[in-house]
C-alpha cells in the first residue's frame, strides 16, 4: 500500500444470542462452635456431605472445587468485659459447575439439604461450556457487518473493495452473562432455575484498500 492508496475504514459489531449450558454455583459453608477444633471439624463434615451429594447427582470431581477456607474468632462486646471471644467460625466455599442447567435446581436443593443450616448459597452465574464457539459466532457477525458497511461506502465512492489492510478486534466485555433467574416451584421445595438467553457481542475495526 502506497501513500496514495485509497482506503475505507469501518467498525463492525455483531451480537449473537444463545441459551447458556453451564451454571456455576457458589455454595458456602459456615459453622460456629465454641472451640476452634469443633468449628473446623463441623465445616469439614458439612463440605464433605455437600460434595458427596453432588457426586451422587452426577457432578464429576473436576467440576467441584474448594476455596476460601477460613477459621476466625467470633468476637463480641460485653458490658464490663470489653471484647471477648464467644466462639469460632470456620468457613469454606465450594465452587460447582452444573452442566445440566434444566436439572440444576434439584441438585442445588439436595446440596443445601445436605449442609443444613450451615449452608450459604452465595450466588449463581450462567455461562457457556464452550465460550469460544459463541464468541466466534459474534466475531463472524461483526465481520459481516463491517463488510456490508465497507461495500456500501465503496460503491458510493465509485470504487470496489480491495485487499484487507488491517483487522483489529476492539477490547471490551463480550456481553453480560445474566445471573440465573430463580422461580419458586409450586409443588417442590426446590427453586426453579430459568436459563433464558445470553447475548455475546464483538466489535472489529477493519481497513480495506479501494480500487
N, C-alpha and C. Protein backbone atom coordinates (compact mmCIF):
# COMPACT_ATOMS: atom_id res chain seq x y z
N UNK A 1 0.85 -1.19 0.00
CA UNK A 1 0.00 0.00 0.00
C UNK A 1 0.89 1.24 0.00
N UNK A 2 0.63 2.17 -0.92
CA UNK A 2 1.39 3.41 -1.02
C UNK A 2 0.66 4.54 -0.34
N UNK A 3 1.32 5.69 -0.28
CA UNK A 3 0.71 6.85 0.38
C UNK A 3 -0.54 7.31 -0.35
N UNK A 4 -0.60 7.04 -1.66
CA UNK A 4 -1.74 7.50 -2.45
C UNK A 4 -2.86 6.47 -2.53
N UNK A 5 -2.67 5.33 -1.89
CA UNK A 5 -3.70 4.29 -1.92
C UNK A 5 -4.92 4.74 -1.14
N UNK A 6 -6.06 4.63 -1.78
CA UNK A 6 -7.30 4.98 -1.08
C UNK A 6 -7.75 3.82 -0.21
N UNK A 7 -8.27 4.13 0.94
CA UNK A 7 -8.76 3.10 1.86
C UNK A 7 -10.11 3.50 2.43
N UNK A 8 -10.77 2.53 3.00
CA UNK A 8 -12.00 2.77 3.73
C UNK A 8 -11.90 2.02 5.06
N UNK A 9 -12.19 2.70 6.14
CA UNK A 9 -12.12 2.11 7.49
C UNK A 9 -13.52 2.10 8.10
N UNK A 10 -13.93 0.96 8.58
CA UNK A 10 -15.26 0.84 9.18
C UNK A 10 -15.16 0.06 10.48
N UNK A 11 -16.16 0.24 11.30
CA UNK A 11 -16.30 -0.53 12.54
C UNK A 11 -17.54 -1.41 12.41
N UNK A 12 -17.36 -2.68 12.64
CA UNK A 12 -18.49 -3.61 12.58
C UNK A 12 -18.76 -4.21 13.94
N UNK A 13 -20.02 -4.43 14.23
CA UNK A 13 -20.39 -5.04 15.51
C UNK A 13 -21.36 -6.19 15.25
N UNK A 14 -21.27 -7.18 16.09
CA UNK A 14 -22.15 -8.33 15.95
C UNK A 14 -22.54 -8.88 17.31
N UNK A 15 -23.76 -9.33 17.40
CA UNK A 15 -24.28 -9.90 18.64
C UNK A 15 -25.01 -11.19 18.33
N UNK A 16 -24.75 -12.20 19.11
CA UNK A 16 -25.47 -13.46 18.98
C UNK A 16 -26.09 -13.81 20.32
N UNK A 17 -27.21 -14.48 20.26
CA UNK A 17 -27.89 -14.93 21.47
C UNK A 17 -27.87 -16.45 21.51
N UNK A 18 -27.62 -16.97 22.67
CA UNK A 18 -27.58 -18.42 22.85
C UNK A 18 -28.08 -18.77 24.24
N UNK A 19 -28.57 -19.99 24.36
CA UNK A 19 -29.05 -20.47 25.66
C UNK A 19 -27.85 -20.98 26.46
N UNK A 20 -27.59 -20.43 27.63
CA UNK A 20 -26.46 -20.90 28.45
C UNK A 20 -26.58 -22.38 28.78
N UNK A 21 -25.45 -23.07 28.73
CA UNK A 21 -25.45 -24.50 29.03
C UNK A 21 -24.56 -24.84 30.22
N UNK A 22 -24.21 -23.82 31.00
CA UNK A 22 -23.37 -24.05 32.18
C UNK A 22 -23.82 -23.12 33.30
N UNK A 23 -24.01 -23.69 34.47
CA UNK A 23 -24.39 -22.91 35.65
C UNK A 23 -23.32 -23.09 36.71
N UNK A 24 -22.70 -22.00 37.12
CA UNK A 24 -21.70 -22.03 38.18
C UNK A 24 -22.33 -21.57 39.48
N UNK A 25 -22.23 -22.40 40.50
CA UNK A 25 -22.87 -22.15 41.78
C UNK A 25 -21.79 -22.00 42.86
N UNK A 26 -21.94 -20.99 43.69
CA UNK A 26 -21.04 -20.80 44.83
C UNK A 26 -21.79 -21.17 46.10
N UNK A 27 -21.36 -22.26 46.73
CA UNK A 27 -22.01 -22.75 47.95
C UNK A 27 -21.06 -22.55 49.12
N UNK A 28 -21.49 -21.76 50.07
CA UNK A 28 -20.67 -21.50 51.24
C UNK A 28 -21.06 -22.37 52.42
N UNK A 29 -20.08 -22.69 53.25
CA UNK A 29 -20.31 -23.42 54.50
C UNK A 29 -19.77 -22.56 55.63
N UNK A 30 -20.58 -22.34 56.65
CA UNK A 30 -20.16 -21.51 57.78
C UNK A 30 -20.64 -22.16 59.07
N UNK A 31 -19.70 -22.58 59.90
CA UNK A 31 -20.03 -23.28 61.14
C UNK A 31 -19.47 -22.51 62.34
N UNK A 32 -20.34 -22.27 63.31
CA UNK A 32 -19.93 -21.59 64.54
C UNK A 32 -19.97 -22.58 65.69
N UNK A 33 -18.86 -22.72 66.40
CA UNK A 33 -18.78 -23.63 67.55
C UNK A 33 -17.99 -22.93 68.66
N UNK A 34 -18.02 -23.53 69.85
CA UNK A 34 -17.37 -22.90 71.00
C UNK A 34 -15.85 -22.98 70.93
N UNK A 35 -15.31 -24.02 70.32
CA UNK A 35 -13.85 -24.10 70.19
C UNK A 35 -13.46 -24.27 68.74
N UNK A 36 -12.23 -23.91 68.43
CA UNK A 36 -11.78 -23.83 67.05
C UNK A 36 -11.77 -25.20 66.38
N UNK A 37 -11.38 -26.24 67.12
CA UNK A 37 -11.34 -27.57 66.54
C UNK A 37 -12.71 -28.06 66.13
N UNK A 38 -13.70 -27.81 66.97
CA UNK A 38 -15.06 -28.25 66.66
C UNK A 38 -15.62 -27.50 65.45
N UNK A 39 -15.31 -26.21 65.35
CA UNK A 39 -15.78 -25.42 64.21
C UNK A 39 -15.16 -25.93 62.92
N UNK A 40 -13.86 -26.19 62.97
CA UNK A 40 -13.16 -26.67 61.78
C UNK A 40 -13.69 -28.04 61.35
N UNK A 41 -13.89 -28.93 62.32
CA UNK A 41 -14.38 -30.27 62.01
C UNK A 41 -15.80 -30.22 61.45
N UNK A 42 -16.64 -29.37 62.02
CA UNK A 42 -18.02 -29.25 61.55
C UNK A 42 -18.07 -28.74 60.12
N UNK A 43 -17.23 -27.76 59.82
CA UNK A 43 -17.19 -27.23 58.45
C UNK A 43 -16.72 -28.29 57.47
N UNK A 44 -15.75 -29.09 57.91
CA UNK A 44 -15.25 -30.17 57.06
C UNK A 44 -16.32 -31.20 56.78
N UNK A 45 -17.09 -31.56 57.81
CA UNK A 45 -18.16 -32.55 57.63
C UNK A 45 -19.24 -32.01 56.69
N UNK A 46 -19.60 -30.75 56.89
CA UNK A 46 -20.64 -30.16 56.04
C UNK A 46 -20.20 -30.11 54.59
N UNK A 47 -18.96 -29.69 54.35
CA UNK A 47 -18.44 -29.61 52.99
C UNK A 47 -18.35 -30.99 52.35
N UNK A 48 -17.91 -31.98 53.15
CA UNK A 48 -17.82 -33.34 52.63
C UNK A 48 -19.20 -33.90 52.29
N UNK A 49 -20.19 -33.59 53.13
CA UNK A 49 -21.55 -34.05 52.86
C UNK A 49 -22.11 -33.45 51.59
N UNK A 50 -21.86 -32.16 51.39
CA UNK A 50 -22.32 -31.49 50.17
C UNK A 50 -21.64 -32.08 48.95
N UNK A 51 -20.33 -32.29 49.04
CA UNK A 51 -19.59 -32.86 47.91
C UNK A 51 -20.09 -34.25 47.56
N UNK A 52 -20.38 -35.05 48.58
CA UNK A 52 -20.87 -36.41 48.35
C UNK A 52 -22.21 -36.38 47.62
N UNK A 53 -23.09 -35.49 48.03
CA UNK A 53 -24.40 -35.38 47.37
C UNK A 53 -24.24 -34.92 45.93
N UNK A 54 -23.34 -33.99 45.70
CA UNK A 54 -23.10 -33.52 44.33
C UNK A 54 -22.63 -34.67 43.45
N UNK A 55 -21.74 -35.50 43.97
CA UNK A 55 -21.25 -36.64 43.19
C UNK A 55 -22.37 -37.64 42.94
N UNK A 56 -23.24 -37.82 43.93
CA UNK A 56 -24.38 -38.73 43.75
C UNK A 56 -25.30 -38.25 42.62
N UNK A 57 -25.32 -36.95 42.39
CA UNK A 57 -26.15 -36.39 41.33
C UNK A 57 -25.37 -36.23 40.02
N UNK A 58 -24.23 -36.89 39.94
CA UNK A 58 -23.51 -36.94 38.67
C UNK A 58 -22.53 -35.82 38.41
N UNK A 59 -22.25 -34.98 39.40
CA UNK A 59 -21.28 -33.90 39.20
C UNK A 59 -19.88 -34.48 39.34
N UNK A 60 -19.05 -34.41 38.31
CA UNK A 60 -17.71 -35.01 38.39
C UNK A 60 -16.76 -34.18 39.26
N UNK A 61 -15.72 -34.84 39.74
CA UNK A 61 -14.76 -34.18 40.63
C UNK A 61 -14.16 -32.89 40.04
N UNK A 62 -13.80 -32.87 38.74
CA UNK A 62 -13.21 -31.63 38.20
C UNK A 62 -14.15 -30.43 38.25
N UNK A 63 -15.44 -30.67 38.42
CA UNK A 63 -16.42 -29.57 38.47
C UNK A 63 -16.74 -29.14 39.89
N UNK A 64 -16.00 -29.67 40.87
CA UNK A 64 -16.17 -29.28 42.28
C UNK A 64 -14.83 -28.78 42.81
N UNK A 65 -14.79 -27.56 43.29
CA UNK A 65 -13.54 -27.01 43.81
C UNK A 65 -13.79 -26.32 45.14
N UNK A 66 -12.80 -26.39 46.03
CA UNK A 66 -12.89 -25.76 47.35
C UNK A 66 -11.96 -24.56 47.40
N UNK A 67 -12.46 -23.47 47.98
CA UNK A 67 -11.64 -22.28 48.12
C UNK A 67 -12.09 -21.51 49.36
N UNK A 68 -11.32 -20.52 49.73
CA UNK A 68 -11.71 -19.63 50.82
C UNK A 68 -11.82 -20.28 52.18
N UNK A 69 -10.98 -21.29 52.45
CA UNK A 69 -11.01 -21.93 53.77
C UNK A 69 -10.53 -20.93 54.81
N UNK A 70 -11.35 -20.73 55.84
CA UNK A 70 -11.04 -19.69 56.82
C UNK A 70 -11.57 -20.09 58.20
N UNK A 71 -10.78 -19.81 59.23
CA UNK A 71 -11.21 -20.00 60.62
C UNK A 71 -10.91 -18.71 61.37
N UNK A 72 -11.90 -18.18 62.04
CA UNK A 72 -11.70 -16.91 62.75
C UNK A 72 -12.45 -16.93 64.08
N UNK A 73 -12.00 -16.09 64.97
CA UNK A 73 -12.67 -15.96 66.26
C UNK A 73 -13.93 -15.12 66.11
N UNK A 74 -14.97 -15.50 66.82
CA UNK A 74 -16.22 -14.72 66.84
C UNK A 74 -16.14 -13.80 68.06
N UNK A 75 -15.74 -12.57 67.80
CA UNK A 75 -15.50 -11.60 68.88
C UNK A 75 -16.74 -10.74 69.09
N UNK A 76 -17.20 -10.66 70.34
CA UNK A 76 -18.37 -9.85 70.68
C UNK A 76 -18.00 -8.89 71.81
N UNK A 77 -18.81 -7.86 71.94
CA UNK A 77 -18.61 -6.87 73.01
C UNK A 77 -19.55 -7.17 74.16
N UNK A 78 -18.99 -7.27 75.36
CA UNK A 78 -19.80 -7.50 76.55
C UNK A 78 -19.56 -6.37 77.53
N UNK A 79 -20.65 -5.90 78.10
CA UNK A 79 -20.58 -4.80 79.06
C UNK A 79 -19.69 -5.19 80.24
N UNK A 80 -18.73 -4.34 80.52
CA UNK A 80 -17.84 -4.59 81.65
C UNK A 80 -16.69 -5.51 81.33
N UNK A 81 -16.73 -6.18 80.19
CA UNK A 81 -15.67 -7.11 79.83
C UNK A 81 -14.93 -6.70 78.55
N UNK A 82 -15.56 -5.82 77.79
CA UNK A 82 -14.95 -5.43 76.52
C UNK A 82 -15.12 -6.51 75.48
N UNK A 83 -14.17 -6.63 74.62
CA UNK A 83 -14.24 -7.63 73.56
C UNK A 83 -13.85 -9.00 74.10
N UNK A 84 -14.71 -9.96 73.85
CA UNK A 84 -14.45 -11.33 74.29
C UNK A 84 -14.72 -12.29 73.14
N UNK A 85 -14.08 -13.42 73.19
CA UNK A 85 -14.26 -14.45 72.17
C UNK A 85 -15.45 -15.32 72.57
N UNK A 86 -16.51 -15.26 71.76
CA UNK A 86 -17.72 -16.04 72.05
C UNK A 86 -17.69 -17.41 71.39
N UNK A 87 -16.77 -17.62 70.50
CA UNK A 87 -16.69 -18.89 69.79
C UNK A 87 -15.80 -18.74 68.58
N UNK A 88 -15.89 -19.72 67.69
CA UNK A 88 -15.06 -19.69 66.49
C UNK A 88 -15.92 -20.05 65.28
N UNK A 89 -15.60 -19.43 64.16
CA UNK A 89 -16.36 -19.65 62.93
C UNK A 89 -15.42 -20.18 61.86
N UNK A 90 -15.74 -21.34 61.33
CA UNK A 90 -14.98 -21.92 60.23
C UNK A 90 -15.84 -21.87 58.97
N UNK A 91 -15.23 -21.49 57.88
CA UNK A 91 -16.00 -21.36 56.64
C UNK A 91 -15.17 -21.80 55.44
N UNK A 92 -15.86 -22.18 54.40
CA UNK A 92 -15.22 -22.51 53.13
C UNK A 92 -16.25 -22.33 52.02
N UNK A 93 -15.77 -22.33 50.80
CA UNK A 93 -16.64 -22.14 49.65
C UNK A 93 -16.42 -23.26 48.65
N UNK A 94 -17.51 -23.83 48.18
CA UNK A 94 -17.47 -24.83 47.13
C UNK A 94 -17.93 -24.18 45.83
N UNK A 95 -17.08 -24.22 44.83
CA UNK A 95 -17.47 -23.76 43.50
C UNK A 95 -17.91 -24.97 42.69
N UNK A 96 -19.13 -24.94 42.18
CA UNK A 96 -19.69 -26.10 41.49
C UNK A 96 -20.15 -25.69 40.10
N UNK A 97 -19.74 -26.48 39.11
CA UNK A 97 -20.21 -26.26 37.74
C UNK A 97 -21.23 -27.33 37.38
N UNK A 98 -22.42 -26.89 37.04
CA UNK A 98 -23.51 -27.79 36.68
C UNK A 98 -23.77 -27.66 35.19
N UNK A 99 -23.63 -28.76 34.47
CA UNK A 99 -23.73 -28.73 33.01
C UNK A 99 -25.13 -29.08 32.51
N UNK A 100 -25.99 -29.49 33.41
CA UNK A 100 -27.40 -29.70 33.07
C UNK A 100 -28.20 -28.59 33.74
N UNK A 101 -28.33 -27.46 33.05
CA UNK A 101 -28.98 -26.29 33.66
C UNK A 101 -30.43 -26.60 33.99
N UNK A 102 -31.10 -27.34 33.12
CA UNK A 102 -32.52 -27.64 33.34
C UNK A 102 -32.74 -28.43 34.62
N UNK A 103 -31.80 -29.31 34.96
CA UNK A 103 -31.96 -30.13 36.16
C UNK A 103 -31.18 -29.62 37.35
N UNK A 104 -30.67 -28.41 37.26
CA UNK A 104 -29.78 -27.89 38.31
C UNK A 104 -30.50 -27.60 39.62
N UNK A 105 -31.79 -27.24 39.56
CA UNK A 105 -32.50 -26.88 40.80
C UNK A 105 -32.56 -28.05 41.76
N UNK A 106 -32.72 -29.26 41.23
CA UNK A 106 -32.77 -30.45 42.09
C UNK A 106 -31.42 -30.69 42.76
N UNK A 107 -30.35 -30.50 42.01
CA UNK A 107 -29.01 -30.71 42.55
C UNK A 107 -28.71 -29.69 43.64
N UNK A 108 -29.06 -28.43 43.39
CA UNK A 108 -28.81 -27.38 44.38
C UNK A 108 -29.61 -27.64 45.64
N UNK A 109 -30.87 -28.04 45.49
CA UNK A 109 -31.71 -28.32 46.66
C UNK A 109 -31.13 -29.45 47.49
N UNK A 110 -30.61 -30.48 46.83
CA UNK A 110 -30.01 -31.61 47.55
C UNK A 110 -28.75 -31.18 48.28
N UNK A 111 -27.95 -30.32 47.65
CA UNK A 111 -26.72 -29.84 48.29
C UNK A 111 -27.03 -28.99 49.51
N UNK A 112 -28.03 -28.13 49.39
CA UNK A 112 -28.42 -27.29 50.53
C UNK A 112 -28.94 -28.15 51.68
N UNK A 113 -29.73 -29.17 51.34
CA UNK A 113 -30.27 -30.06 52.38
C UNK A 113 -29.15 -30.82 53.08
N UNK A 114 -28.12 -31.20 52.32
CA UNK A 114 -27.00 -31.95 52.91
C UNK A 114 -26.23 -31.10 53.90
N UNK A 115 -26.11 -29.81 53.64
CA UNK A 115 -25.37 -28.93 54.53
C UNK A 115 -26.19 -28.37 55.66
N UNK A 116 -27.51 -28.44 55.55
CA UNK A 116 -28.38 -27.95 56.61
C UNK A 116 -28.25 -26.46 56.85
N UNK A 117 -28.36 -26.08 58.11
CA UNK A 117 -28.32 -24.66 58.47
C UNK A 117 -26.95 -24.01 58.32
N UNK A 118 -25.94 -24.83 58.05
CA UNK A 118 -24.59 -24.28 57.89
C UNK A 118 -24.30 -23.84 56.45
N UNK A 119 -25.27 -24.02 55.55
CA UNK A 119 -25.06 -23.71 54.14
C UNK A 119 -25.40 -22.26 53.84
N UNK A 120 -24.61 -21.63 52.98
CA UNK A 120 -24.90 -20.29 52.46
C UNK A 120 -24.81 -20.37 50.94
N UNK A 121 -25.90 -20.05 50.25
CA UNK A 121 -25.88 -20.02 48.80
C UNK A 121 -25.43 -18.63 48.36
N UNK A 122 -24.19 -18.52 47.90
CA UNK A 122 -23.60 -17.21 47.63
C UNK A 122 -23.97 -16.61 46.29
N UNK A 123 -24.30 -17.44 45.32
CA UNK A 123 -24.66 -16.87 44.02
C UNK A 123 -24.65 -17.90 42.91
N UNK A 124 -25.32 -17.54 41.82
CA UNK A 124 -25.40 -18.38 40.63
C UNK A 124 -24.99 -17.54 39.42
N UNK A 125 -24.29 -18.16 38.49
CA UNK A 125 -23.90 -17.45 37.27
C UNK A 125 -24.02 -18.36 36.06
N UNK A 126 -24.72 -17.88 35.05
CA UNK A 126 -24.89 -18.64 33.82
C UNK A 126 -23.75 -18.36 32.87
N UNK A 127 -23.39 -19.36 32.09
CA UNK A 127 -22.34 -19.18 31.11
C UNK A 127 -22.40 -20.26 30.06
N UNK A 128 -21.29 -20.44 29.37
CA UNK A 128 -21.21 -21.41 28.28
C UNK A 128 -20.05 -22.37 28.53
N UNK A 129 -20.30 -23.65 28.29
CA UNK A 129 -19.25 -24.65 28.44
C UNK A 129 -18.15 -24.42 27.41
N UNK A 130 -18.52 -23.92 26.23
CA UNK A 130 -17.55 -23.62 25.17
C UNK A 130 -17.74 -22.17 24.74
N UNK A 131 -17.26 -21.22 25.55
CA UNK A 131 -17.47 -19.80 25.21
C UNK A 131 -16.79 -19.39 23.92
N UNK A 132 -15.72 -20.09 23.54
CA UNK A 132 -15.01 -19.73 22.31
C UNK A 132 -15.90 -19.89 21.09
N UNK A 133 -16.75 -20.91 21.09
CA UNK A 133 -17.63 -21.14 19.94
C UNK A 133 -18.64 -20.01 19.79
N UNK A 134 -19.20 -19.55 20.91
CA UNK A 134 -20.18 -18.46 20.86
C UNK A 134 -19.49 -17.15 20.47
N UNK A 135 -18.30 -16.92 21.00
CA UNK A 135 -17.55 -15.72 20.66
C UNK A 135 -17.19 -15.70 19.18
N UNK A 136 -16.87 -16.87 18.62
CA UNK A 136 -16.54 -16.94 17.20
C UNK A 136 -17.73 -16.53 16.34
N UNK A 137 -18.92 -16.92 16.75
CA UNK A 137 -20.12 -16.51 16.02
C UNK A 137 -20.31 -15.00 16.08
N UNK A 138 -20.04 -14.41 17.24
CA UNK A 138 -20.17 -12.96 17.38
C UNK A 138 -19.14 -12.25 16.51
N UNK A 139 -17.92 -12.79 16.44
CA UNK A 139 -16.90 -12.18 15.59
C UNK A 139 -17.29 -12.24 14.11
N UNK A 140 -17.84 -13.39 13.72
CA UNK A 140 -18.27 -13.52 12.32
C UNK A 140 -19.37 -12.52 12.00
N UNK A 141 -20.30 -12.34 12.94
CA UNK A 141 -21.37 -11.35 12.73
C UNK A 141 -20.80 -9.94 12.63
N UNK A 142 -19.78 -9.65 13.45
CA UNK A 142 -19.14 -8.33 13.40
C UNK A 142 -18.43 -8.13 12.07
N UNK A 143 -17.77 -9.18 11.58
CA UNK A 143 -17.08 -9.09 10.29
C UNK A 143 -18.08 -8.83 9.16
N UNK A 144 -19.17 -9.57 9.14
CA UNK A 144 -20.17 -9.38 8.09
C UNK A 144 -20.76 -7.97 8.14
N UNK A 145 -20.92 -7.44 9.34
CA UNK A 145 -21.43 -6.08 9.49
C UNK A 145 -20.44 -5.07 8.92
N UNK A 146 -19.16 -5.27 9.21
CA UNK A 146 -18.13 -4.38 8.68
C UNK A 146 -18.03 -4.49 7.17
N UNK A 147 -18.11 -5.72 6.66
CA UNK A 147 -18.01 -5.94 5.22
C UNK A 147 -19.15 -5.26 4.47
N UNK A 148 -20.36 -5.37 5.02
CA UNK A 148 -21.52 -4.75 4.37
C UNK A 148 -21.37 -3.23 4.34
N UNK A 149 -20.92 -2.65 5.45
CA UNK A 149 -20.76 -1.19 5.51
C UNK A 149 -19.66 -0.73 4.56
N UNK A 150 -18.55 -1.46 4.54
CA UNK A 150 -17.44 -1.08 3.66
C UNK A 150 -17.84 -1.18 2.20
N UNK A 151 -18.58 -2.23 1.86
CA UNK A 151 -19.03 -2.39 0.49
C UNK A 151 -19.94 -1.25 0.06
N UNK A 152 -20.80 -0.82 0.96
CA UNK A 152 -21.69 0.30 0.65
C UNK A 152 -20.90 1.59 0.43
N UNK A 153 -19.94 1.86 1.31
CA UNK A 153 -19.14 3.07 1.17
C UNK A 153 -18.32 3.04 -0.13
N UNK A 154 -17.78 1.87 -0.45
CA UNK A 154 -17.00 1.75 -1.68
C UNK A 154 -17.87 2.04 -2.90
N UNK A 155 -19.08 1.50 -2.89
CA UNK A 155 -20.00 1.74 -4.01
C UNK A 155 -20.35 3.21 -4.14
N UNK A 156 -20.60 3.85 -3.00
CA UNK A 156 -20.93 5.28 -3.03
C UNK A 156 -19.76 6.11 -3.56
N UNK A 157 -18.56 5.62 -3.35
CA UNK A 157 -17.37 6.34 -3.81
C UNK A 157 -16.97 5.95 -5.23
N UNK A 158 -17.78 5.09 -5.85
CA UNK A 158 -17.47 4.65 -7.21
C UNK A 158 -16.27 3.74 -7.27
N UNK A 159 -16.07 2.95 -6.24
CA UNK A 159 -14.92 2.06 -6.18
C UNK A 159 -15.36 0.66 -5.76
N UNK A 160 -14.38 -0.23 -5.66
CA UNK A 160 -14.61 -1.58 -5.18
C UNK A 160 -13.65 -1.86 -4.04
N UNK A 161 -14.04 -2.83 -3.22
CA UNK A 161 -13.15 -3.21 -2.12
C UNK A 161 -11.97 -4.01 -2.64
N UNK A 162 -10.79 -3.67 -2.13
CA UNK A 162 -9.60 -4.41 -2.47
C UNK A 162 -9.18 -5.30 -1.32
N UNK A 163 -7.87 -5.38 -1.10
CA UNK A 163 -7.35 -6.23 -0.04
C UNK A 163 -7.59 -5.61 1.33
N UNK A 164 -7.66 -6.49 2.32
CA UNK A 164 -7.79 -6.02 3.70
C UNK A 164 -6.43 -5.54 4.18
N UNK A 165 -6.41 -4.34 4.71
CA UNK A 165 -5.16 -3.76 5.22
C UNK A 165 -4.94 -4.16 6.68
N UNK A 166 -5.97 -4.09 7.48
CA UNK A 166 -5.84 -4.44 8.91
C UNK A 166 -7.19 -4.82 9.49
N UNK A 167 -7.13 -5.66 10.50
CA UNK A 167 -8.32 -6.05 11.26
C UNK A 167 -7.96 -5.96 12.73
N UNK A 168 -8.74 -5.22 13.49
CA UNK A 168 -8.48 -5.06 14.93
C UNK A 168 -9.75 -5.33 15.70
N UNK A 169 -9.68 -6.30 16.61
CA UNK A 169 -10.83 -6.53 17.49
C UNK A 169 -10.73 -5.56 18.66
N UNK A 170 -11.79 -4.81 18.87
CA UNK A 170 -11.78 -3.82 19.94
C UNK A 170 -11.96 -4.48 21.29
N UNK A 171 -11.24 -4.02 22.30
CA UNK A 171 -11.39 -4.62 23.64
C UNK A 171 -12.72 -4.24 24.25
N UNK A 172 -13.06 -5.00 25.26
CA UNK A 172 -14.31 -4.72 25.96
C UNK A 172 -15.01 -6.01 26.27
N UNK A 173 -15.98 -5.95 27.16
CA UNK A 173 -16.74 -7.15 27.52
C UNK A 173 -17.49 -7.70 26.33
N UNK A 174 -17.54 -9.01 26.22
CA UNK A 174 -18.26 -9.64 25.12
C UNK A 174 -19.75 -9.59 25.32
N UNK A 175 -20.17 -9.18 26.50
CA UNK A 175 -21.60 -9.11 26.78
C UNK A 175 -21.88 -9.69 28.15
N UNK A 176 -22.79 -9.14 28.89
CA UNK A 176 -23.05 -9.63 30.24
C UNK A 176 -23.68 -11.01 30.23
N UNK A 177 -23.20 -11.83 31.13
CA UNK A 177 -23.84 -13.12 31.36
C UNK A 177 -24.78 -12.94 32.54
N UNK A 178 -26.08 -13.01 32.32
CA UNK A 178 -27.01 -12.68 33.39
C UNK A 178 -26.99 -13.70 34.52
N UNK A 179 -27.22 -13.23 35.72
CA UNK A 179 -27.38 -14.12 36.85
C UNK A 179 -28.63 -14.95 36.61
N UNK A 180 -28.56 -16.21 36.98
CA UNK A 180 -29.69 -17.10 36.73
C UNK A 180 -30.96 -16.58 37.39
N UNK A 181 -32.04 -16.62 36.64
CA UNK A 181 -33.32 -16.23 37.20
C UNK A 181 -33.88 -17.39 38.00
N UNK A 182 -34.40 -17.08 39.17
CA UNK A 182 -34.89 -18.11 40.07
C UNK A 182 -36.39 -17.95 40.27
N UNK A 183 -37.09 -19.05 40.25
CA UNK A 183 -38.53 -19.03 40.41
C UNK A 183 -38.94 -20.13 41.38
N UNK A 184 -39.72 -19.79 42.37
CA UNK A 184 -40.16 -20.76 43.35
C UNK A 184 -41.07 -21.80 42.70
N UNK A 185 -40.70 -23.07 42.84
CA UNK A 185 -41.54 -24.13 42.31
C UNK A 185 -42.72 -24.36 43.24
N UNK A 186 -43.89 -24.56 42.68
CA UNK A 186 -45.10 -24.66 43.48
C UNK A 186 -45.20 -25.99 44.21
N UNK A 187 -44.74 -27.06 43.57
CA UNK A 187 -45.01 -28.38 44.14
C UNK A 187 -43.79 -29.00 44.82
N UNK A 188 -42.67 -28.31 44.87
CA UNK A 188 -41.48 -28.89 45.48
C UNK A 188 -40.83 -27.88 46.41
N UNK A 189 -39.79 -28.36 47.10
CA UNK A 189 -39.05 -27.48 48.00
C UNK A 189 -37.85 -26.85 47.29
N UNK A 190 -37.70 -27.11 46.00
CA UNK A 190 -36.57 -26.57 45.27
C UNK A 190 -36.94 -25.23 44.64
N UNK A 191 -35.93 -24.58 44.12
CA UNK A 191 -36.12 -23.30 43.43
C UNK A 191 -35.80 -23.53 41.96
N UNK A 192 -36.74 -23.20 41.08
CA UNK A 192 -36.53 -23.41 39.66
C UNK A 192 -35.52 -22.43 39.09
N UNK A 193 -34.67 -22.90 38.18
CA UNK A 193 -33.67 -22.07 37.52
C UNK A 193 -34.07 -21.89 36.07
N UNK A 194 -34.21 -20.65 35.62
CA UNK A 194 -34.54 -20.35 34.23
C UNK A 194 -33.30 -19.82 33.53
N UNK A 195 -32.84 -20.54 32.52
CA UNK A 195 -31.61 -20.15 31.83
C UNK A 195 -31.81 -18.93 30.94
N UNK A 196 -32.96 -18.84 30.28
CA UNK A 196 -33.19 -17.73 29.37
C UNK A 196 -32.16 -17.73 28.24
N UNK A 197 -31.77 -16.56 27.77
CA UNK A 197 -30.75 -16.43 26.75
C UNK A 197 -29.73 -15.37 27.15
N UNK A 198 -28.50 -15.56 26.68
CA UNK A 198 -27.44 -14.59 26.94
C UNK A 198 -26.94 -14.03 25.62
N UNK A 199 -26.58 -12.77 25.62
CA UNK A 199 -26.06 -12.11 24.43
C UNK A 199 -24.54 -11.98 24.53
N UNK A 200 -23.86 -12.32 23.45
CA UNK A 200 -22.41 -12.16 23.37
C UNK A 200 -22.11 -11.27 22.17
N UNK A 201 -21.31 -10.25 22.36
CA UNK A 201 -21.04 -9.26 21.32
C UNK A 201 -19.56 -9.17 20.99
N UNK A 202 -19.28 -8.72 19.78
CA UNK A 202 -17.90 -8.48 19.34
C UNK A 202 -17.89 -7.25 18.44
N UNK A 203 -16.80 -6.51 18.48
CA UNK A 203 -16.65 -5.31 17.65
C UNK A 203 -15.27 -5.32 17.00
N UNK A 204 -15.22 -5.02 15.70
CA UNK A 204 -13.95 -5.03 14.98
C UNK A 204 -13.80 -3.76 14.14
N UNK A 205 -12.57 -3.29 14.03
CA UNK A 205 -12.21 -2.23 13.10
C UNK A 205 -11.50 -2.87 11.91
N UNK A 206 -11.96 -2.59 10.71
CA UNK A 206 -11.37 -3.19 9.51
C UNK A 206 -11.06 -2.08 8.50
N UNK A 207 -9.90 -2.18 7.90
CA UNK A 207 -9.49 -1.23 6.86
C UNK A 207 -9.28 -2.00 5.56
N UNK A 208 -9.94 -1.55 4.49
CA UNK A 208 -9.77 -2.12 3.16
C UNK A 208 -9.12 -1.11 2.22
N UNK A 209 -8.40 -1.63 1.25
CA UNK A 209 -7.98 -0.79 0.13
C UNK A 209 -9.16 -0.60 -0.81
N UNK A 210 -9.21 0.51 -1.49
CA UNK A 210 -10.20 0.75 -2.53
C UNK A 210 -9.51 0.68 -3.89
N UNK A 211 -10.20 0.10 -4.84
CA UNK A 211 -9.60 0.01 -6.18
C UNK A 211 -10.60 0.47 -7.22
